[in-house]
Protein backbone atom coordinates (compact mmCIF):
# COMPACT_ATOMS: atom_id res chain seq x y z
CA UNK A 1 118.33 49.04 281.56
CA UNK A 2 120.07 52.17 283.25
CA UNK A 3 120.09 51.20 287.00
CA UNK A 4 117.95 54.94 287.24
CA UNK A 5 115.27 52.81 285.48
CA UNK A 6 115.62 49.72 286.73
CA UNK A 7 113.00 49.74 289.14
CA UNK A 8 110.92 51.59 286.12
CA UNK A 9 107.46 50.16 284.73
CA UNK A 10 107.70 49.84 280.25
CA UNK A 11 104.53 50.57 278.57
CA UNK A 12 104.84 50.25 274.48
CA UNK A 13 101.78 52.21 272.78
CA UNK A 14 101.56 50.07 269.49
CA UNK A 15 98.56 48.62 267.53
CA UNK A 16 100.73 45.74 266.45
CA UNK A 17 99.02 42.68 267.63
CA UNK A 18 100.81 39.81 269.29
CA UNK A 19 103.69 42.05 270.46
CA UNK A 20 103.63 40.56 273.97
CA UNK A 21 104.88 37.69 271.56
CA UNK A 22 107.11 38.92 270.06
CA UNK A 23 109.54 40.44 272.73
CA UNK A 24 109.55 36.82 274.45
CA UNK A 25 110.57 35.22 271.38
CA UNK A 26 113.55 37.58 271.12
CA UNK A 27 114.61 36.04 275.04
CA UNK A 28 113.56 39.98 276.78
CA UNK A 29 112.47 39.62 280.57
CA UNK A 30 109.01 40.89 280.29
CA UNK A 31 107.63 41.04 283.77
CA UNK A 32 107.89 45.17 284.10
CA UNK A 33 106.13 45.48 280.22
CA UNK A 34 102.76 46.30 279.69
CA UNK A 35 101.14 46.36 276.05
CA UNK A 36 98.47 49.34 275.22
CA UNK A 37 96.91 48.53 271.75
CA UNK A 38 96.25 51.84 270.51
CA UNK A 39 98.17 54.27 268.14
CA UNK A 40 100.45 56.18 269.65
CA UNK A 41 99.99 59.50 268.06
CA UNK A 42 96.24 59.53 269.85
CA UNK A 43 96.18 62.06 272.28
CA UNK A 44 93.73 59.84 274.52
CA UNK A 45 95.95 56.95 273.88
CA UNK A 46 99.26 58.99 275.34
CA UNK A 47 97.21 60.10 278.35
CA UNK A 48 95.89 56.63 279.22
CA UNK A 49 99.68 55.70 279.05
CA UNK A 50 100.42 58.35 281.91
CA UNK A 51 102.64 60.24 279.27
CA UNK A 52 102.06 63.39 282.09
CA UNK A 53 103.75 61.77 284.52
CA UNK A 54 106.33 59.76 282.58
CA UNK A 55 110.10 60.29 282.65
CA UNK A 56 111.60 59.25 279.55
CA UNK A 57 109.83 58.45 276.20
CA UNK A 58 110.92 56.40 272.56
CA UNK A 59 109.59 56.55 269.37
CA UNK A 60 110.45 54.29 266.82
CA UNK A 61 110.17 54.10 263.33
CA UNK A 62 106.68 52.01 262.46
CA UNK A 63 108.07 49.15 259.93
CA UNK A 64 104.62 48.12 258.78
CA UNK A 65 105.58 48.61 254.95
CA UNK A 66 102.20 50.09 254.52
CA UNK A 67 103.06 53.77 255.11
CA UNK A 68 105.61 55.77 253.03
CA UNK A 69 108.43 57.29 254.74
CA UNK A 70 107.52 60.67 255.03
CA UNK A 71 103.77 59.64 256.32
CA UNK A 72 105.67 57.65 259.20
CA UNK A 73 108.18 60.31 260.10
CA UNK A 74 105.24 62.64 260.46
CA UNK A 75 103.24 60.15 262.92
CA UNK A 76 106.60 60.27 264.86
CA UNK A 77 106.61 64.28 265.01
CA UNK A 78 103.31 64.42 265.91
CA UNK A 79 103.46 62.08 268.66
CA UNK A 80 106.61 63.30 269.55
CA UNK A 81 105.58 67.23 269.60
CA UNK A 82 101.84 65.56 271.24
CA UNK A 83 104.29 64.38 274.64
CA UNK A 84 106.46 67.33 274.49
CA UNK A 85 103.01 69.52 274.70
CA UNK A 86 102.04 67.06 277.54
CA UNK A 87 104.61 67.12 279.62
CA UNK A 88 107.60 69.61 278.86
CA UNK A 89 109.78 67.93 281.82
CA UNK A 90 110.06 64.38 279.59
CA UNK A 91 113.16 63.09 278.01
CA UNK A 92 112.27 62.68 274.61
CA UNK A 93 114.07 60.42 272.04
CA UNK A 94 112.36 59.44 268.72
CA UNK A 95 113.78 57.71 265.35
CA UNK A 96 113.00 58.84 261.86
CA UNK A 97 113.73 58.38 258.29
CA UNK A 98 114.10 61.60 256.79
CA UNK A 99 117.00 64.05 258.24
CA UNK A 100 115.49 67.23 256.91
CA UNK A 101 112.47 66.43 259.48
CA UNK A 102 115.28 66.68 262.35
CA UNK A 103 115.13 70.28 263.04
CA UNK A 104 111.22 70.14 263.53
CA UNK A 105 111.66 67.96 266.57
CA UNK A 106 114.43 69.34 268.04
CA UNK A 107 112.69 72.97 267.93
CA UNK A 108 109.55 70.98 269.75
CA UNK A 109 111.58 70.20 272.54
CA UNK A 110 112.84 66.13 271.40
CA UNK A 111 116.18 66.13 273.40
CA UNK A 112 117.26 62.51 271.02
CA UNK A 113 116.65 62.54 266.98
CA UNK A 114 118.48 58.91 265.46
CA UNK A 115 117.97 59.16 261.78
CA UNK A 116 116.56 55.41 260.77
CA UNK A 117 119.83 53.49 259.23
CA UNK A 118 122.34 56.29 260.20
CA UNK A 119 123.94 54.83 262.43
CA UNK A 120 123.86 51.28 261.88
CA UNK A 121 125.09 52.20 258.46
CA UNK A 122 127.92 53.65 259.52
CA UNK A 123 129.02 51.14 262.42
CA UNK A 124 128.69 48.49 259.45
CA UNK A 125 130.85 50.73 257.47
CA UNK A 126 133.60 51.22 260.06
CA UNK A 127 133.25 47.53 260.92
CA UNK A 128 133.68 46.32 257.06
CA UNK A 129 136.90 48.39 257.63
CA UNK A 130 138.06 47.18 260.51
CA UNK A 131 138.25 43.45 262.15
CA UNK A 132 137.49 43.17 265.26
CA UNK A 133 135.53 46.23 266.16
CA UNK A 134 132.23 44.14 265.91
CA UNK A 135 133.03 42.90 269.33
CA UNK A 136 134.03 46.10 270.90
CA UNK A 137 131.10 48.12 269.87
CA UNK A 138 128.84 44.77 271.38
CA UNK A 139 130.63 44.86 274.73
CA UNK A 140 130.51 48.55 274.95
CA UNK A 141 126.52 48.24 273.64
CA UNK A 142 125.70 45.24 276.05
CA UNK A 143 124.64 45.99 279.41
CA UNK A 144 124.58 42.10 280.27
CA UNK A 145 128.31 41.98 281.03
CA UNK A 146 131.74 43.98 280.33
CA UNK A 147 132.13 47.43 279.44
CA UNK A 148 129.52 49.96 278.80
CA UNK A 149 128.96 53.52 278.27
CA UNK A 150 127.54 55.91 280.86
CA UNK A 151 127.87 59.37 282.26
CA UNK A 152 129.04 59.95 285.39
CA UNK A 153 128.91 63.26 287.58
CA UNK A 154 132.24 65.48 287.64
CA UNK A 155 132.82 65.80 291.74
CA UNK A 156 134.59 69.13 293.33
CA UNK A 157 137.78 66.95 292.88
CA UNK A 158 137.93 67.47 288.83
CA UNK A 159 136.58 70.97 288.72
CA UNK A 160 139.51 73.24 287.04
CA UNK A 161 141.22 69.96 285.25
CA UNK A 162 142.06 69.66 281.95
CA UNK A 163 139.99 66.87 279.84
CA UNK A 164 143.45 64.84 279.42
CA UNK A 165 144.20 65.30 283.59
CA UNK A 166 140.84 63.98 284.53
CA UNK A 167 141.01 61.12 282.17
CA UNK A 168 144.52 59.97 283.32
CA UNK A 169 143.66 60.64 287.27
CA UNK A 170 140.18 58.55 286.47
CA UNK A 171 141.60 55.99 284.70
CA UNK A 172 143.92 55.10 287.39
CA UNK A 173 141.40 55.34 290.47
CA UNK A 174 138.56 53.74 288.73
CA UNK A 175 139.65 51.79 285.64
CA UNK A 176 137.35 54.12 283.64
CA UNK A 177 138.43 55.59 280.05
CA UNK A 178 136.76 59.03 279.86
CA UNK A 179 135.60 59.50 276.23
CA UNK A 180 133.31 62.43 276.40
CA UNK A 181 132.70 65.34 278.06
CA UNK A 182 128.97 67.12 278.65
CA UNK A 183 128.56 70.31 280.28
CA UNK A 184 124.68 71.17 281.95
CA UNK A 185 122.61 72.19 279.61
CA UNK A 186 124.91 72.11 276.66
CA UNK A 187 126.62 69.53 273.67
CA UNK A 188 128.55 66.37 274.52
CA UNK A 189 131.97 67.27 273.30
CA UNK A 190 133.80 63.91 272.49
CA UNK A 191 137.54 63.91 273.87
CA UNK A 192 138.14 67.55 273.66
CA UNK A 193 141.65 67.69 274.56
CA UNK A 194 142.26 71.31 275.76
CA UNK A 195 138.62 71.57 277.59
CA UNK A 196 138.97 72.60 281.56
CA UNK A 197 136.10 70.41 283.53
CA UNK A 198 134.08 73.27 285.10
């Protein structure tokens, strides 16, 4: 868990029965996790969950097999837009099946939209072509040990420096490997060699 959230309470809104037992079966620490057994698209459930004061909302695609992917996406969009209306300051991430609906979420203020299967499919394709790549990604995506991906704030020391020069300096001083830059209120730029850090 990101250090900024290490003392945060986690509330899961789901109509799924036995959710806590399922989490425990995956050896997850459930000490700070609570379950609200209600429909996550319901305004009253979202208010009861405290979404108006929350810092972060994550909406994952339902996987019960009862609804079509379009219905699942419609419920995700409904929940995301309701959350953004109740709390415009919240950072919302949502997973959908159909890429054509991503623009609706972005227009409604959702910061991160993931297309179900897109990342895992691309990752699987890369891993299958390059032996040993899976352990690299496992190391990066794990918080348990090893390396991780994180944002760090650029200090005045790096202002005015080219990305490449800052990357060398960060690596020499702190052992960090700079892979991208995200200027304030702009999109992330991966390996922007000629970019000057502001």
